[in-house]
Amino acid sequence: MCYFHINDLLAEKGGVPSKERFESYYKEPGTLKNRYVRYVKTNLGKKTAWSKLENLIKTQNFVSIEQSSPIIDWGKAVTIEL
């Protein structure tokens, strides 16, 4: 199972948000440090995300959950009681 967020595949536009925009979106103090830390966390590795997705598609055989269900031994699957 893998996951790519659509935002990982989009080119970043806009840079570090203003204090007001940051605070209204994230509901936390928009200090310069907080804004830059969030910016770096959000954009770190984005440059290579598209090529990683392309490589994953080329090198792996994917099936749907419906197709995989009959070949999984559900008796051996780990379960978590909630």
Protein backbone atom coordinates (compact mmCIF):
# COMPACT_ATOMS: atom_id res chain seq x y z
CA MET A 1 0.00 0.00 0.00
CA CYS A 2 1.34 3.46 -0.79
CA TYR A 3 0.20 7.02 -0.47
CA PHE A 4 0.93 10.25 -2.32
CA HIS A 5 -0.88 13.39 -1.32
CA ILE A 6 -1.90 15.46 -4.35
CA ASN A 7 -0.07 18.42 -2.83
CA ASP A 8 3.19 16.41 -3.05
CA LEU A 9 2.87 16.41 -6.82
CA LEU A 10 2.04 20.10 -7.30
CA ALA A 11 4.68 22.74 -7.78
CA GLU A 12 4.81 25.08 -4.79
CA LYS A 13 3.60 28.58 -5.47
CA GLY A 14 3.50 31.37 -2.98
CA GLY A 15 6.31 30.68 -0.53
CA VAL A 16 6.01 31.29 3.19
CA PRO A 17 2.47 32.43 4.06
CA SER A 18 1.71 35.69 5.80
CA LYS A 19 1.18 35.63 9.56
CA GLU A 20 -2.55 36.22 9.15
CA ARG A 21 -3.02 33.48 6.55
CA PHE A 22 -0.95 31.02 8.58
CA GLU A 23 -2.90 31.67 11.78
CA SER A 24 -6.29 31.42 10.11
CA TYR A 25 -5.42 28.14 8.38
CA TYR A 26 -3.35 26.31 11.01
CA LYS A 27 -4.96 27.84 14.13
CA GLU A 28 -1.57 28.33 15.79
CA PRO A 29 0.70 31.33 16.35
CA GLY A 30 2.12 32.65 13.08
CA THR A 31 5.63 33.37 14.35
CA LEU A 32 8.33 33.58 11.73
CA LYS A 33 9.85 30.34 13.05
CA ASN A 34 6.51 28.47 12.92
CA ARG A 35 5.84 29.64 9.37
CA TYR A 36 9.29 28.63 8.10
CA VAL A 37 9.25 25.27 9.90
CA ARG A 38 5.83 24.45 8.41
CA TYR A 39 7.01 25.60 4.96
CA VAL A 40 10.08 23.35 5.07
CA LYS A 41 8.09 20.36 6.36
CA THR A 42 5.49 20.85 3.63
CA ASN A 43 7.95 21.19 0.77
CA LEU A 44 10.89 18.98 1.71
CA GLY A 45 11.25 16.26 -0.92
CA LYS A 46 8.59 17.61 -3.27
CA LYS A 47 11.04 18.03 -6.11
CA THR A 48 11.50 14.25 -6.39
CA ALA A 49 7.92 13.14 -5.59
CA TRP A 50 6.75 12.97 -9.21
CA SER A 51 9.71 10.87 -10.36
CA LYS A 52 9.22 8.55 -7.37
CA LEU A 53 5.56 8.07 -8.32
CA GLU A 54 6.49 7.36 -11.95
CA ASN A 55 9.11 4.84 -10.83
CA LEU A 56 6.62 3.14 -8.50
CA ILE A 57 4.08 2.81 -11.32
CA LYS A 58 6.68 1.39 -13.73
CA THR A 59 8.21 -1.13 -11.32
CA GLN A 60 5.24 -2.50 -9.35
CA ASN A 61 2.23 -4.58 -10.28
CA PHE A 62 -0.88 -3.12 -8.73
CA VAL A 63 -4.23 -4.77 -8.13
CA SER A 64 -7.41 -3.43 -6.61
CA ILE A 65 -8.53 -4.37 -3.11
CA GLU A 66 -11.30 -6.43 -4.72
CA GLN A 67 -8.74 -8.39 -6.77
CA SER A 68 -6.42 -8.93 -3.81
CA SER A 69 -9.06 -10.12 -1.33
CA PRO A 70 -9.35 -13.71 -2.65
CA ILE A 71 -5.56 -14.25 -2.52
CA ILE A 72 -5.12 -12.97 1.04
CA ASP A 73 -5.32 -15.48 3.88
CA TRP A 74 -7.53 -13.37 6.12
CA GLY A 75 -7.17 -15.93 8.93
CA LYS A 76 -3.52 -14.87 9.27
CA ALA A 77 -4.23 -11.14 9.04
CA VAL A 78 -3.45 -9.10 12.14
CA THR A 79 -6.57 -7.58 13.67
CA ILE A 80 -6.91 -4.74 16.13
CA GLU A 81 -9.85 -4.63 18.50
CA LEU A 82 -11.17 -1.12 19.00
